[in-house]
Amino acid sequence: MNSIFKCLNFHVIILSFLGVILLQSCNKEKTPADLPGFKLTETLSREKQLADVTEQTVQSEIVLTGKISFNEDKVARVFPLAGGFVKELFVELGDYVHKGQTLAIIRSPEIAGFTKEGEEAKAQVQVAERQAKVAEELYKSSIISELDLMEKRKDLENARAEYARIKDVLDMYGAASGSVYPIRSPVSGIVTQKNIALNMELRTEEINPAFIVGSLEEVWVMANIYEIDIAKIKEGYDAHITVAAYPDRVYTGKIDKIFSLLDAESRVVKARITLSNTNFDLKPEMFANVKIKYAEQMKKIAIPSTALIFDKSRHFAMVYKADDNIETREVTIFKETSDIVYIETGLTSGEKVMTKHQLLVYDALND
């Protein structure tokens, strides 16, 4: 009787063992060996795309918020050089102006005074020239002494110096004659601020400029680095910028300045990226997303992010050896960026993975 029970127990153990093996076999990801005759169709074979599995230096990414602003080194604040009244106004807010272009004409009593002084100084030069010429003749005839001649020459020299001084003043104001002078733009750019109107009185002691003109051929992107990321970002790092107005465009530059001051309220420091903007697409005050990429001091196996498959809370890649030899490989991820996945385990350098139609092959092998 005992021998019968022993025999039954043995068979139960054997059946249980076989059941476990069968269950494990059912749960195992299938490979082409499990599917006799599996092979990519002619279309899939032609359209498939592969990527090499390589060991690469790990690249990290940080995405920052930012804003487009004028290059402050190319912004001109234009003040009136002399008090007066706005006689003519030629530009409006937002207009593009060229370097040297007249923005407004100012009628100024001060300029009128300089113009009068200039005319008087010119007359004084003419008088001094005549007196010096007469003194030369008198000296040759021994009628006056050399000292008298030197005095007349000195008077002429002083008259010419005074006239030159007043001419320099008028040239600085851009006033040729009369009581008016022009306000001209010192740079090419956009009129971003206009604080004058027709017939308005201008005073030289005003703290606000009459115009602000900013060049848009080169702009700054001012990115916000939060306190937690300050140690991670350095000057010289590559930056990739996108704006809502042109979502398909990526502007590239480098961080050329990280400012030292931390904003007490927002807890950020500013990083500056300088971008060329010759077509004026980027406008000041546009919001920007700034993606900073930098290399870490380590290497990992890397594949394109398009090769990754996520299923059943796990990650997989399709390792390609031939059209009839494709393996489903589970991988563990070390780090992901927008276009690269760094692999901790599951792949070996030198292998190839599918980056197109891999999901179709995965479904065929693992359904």
Foldseek 3Di string as FASTA:
>chain_A
DVVVVVVVVVVVVVVVVVVVVVVVVLPDFFFLVNVPPAFDDPVCVVPWDKDFWAKDFDKDKDKFKWFWAFPVVFKDFFAQPAWFWWAFADDDAFDWDAAFDFGTKGFHPVVQVLQVQLVVLVVQLVVLVVVLVVVVVCVVVVNDDVVVNVVSVVSNVVSVVSNVVSVVVCVVQCHPHDGMGTGGHRHTAGFNDADDDHGDIHHRPDPHGRTMGTHLQKIKIKTWDAPVCPVVDDWFWKKWKDFPVCRPDTFIFTFHDWDDDADPVRRTTITITMGGDRVSPRDGGTMMMIMTMDGDPDIFTKDWPLQWDADPNFIWWWWDDHSSGIDTWTWDFDDDDPTMTGTDDTDDGRIMTINPCRVVVSVVRGD
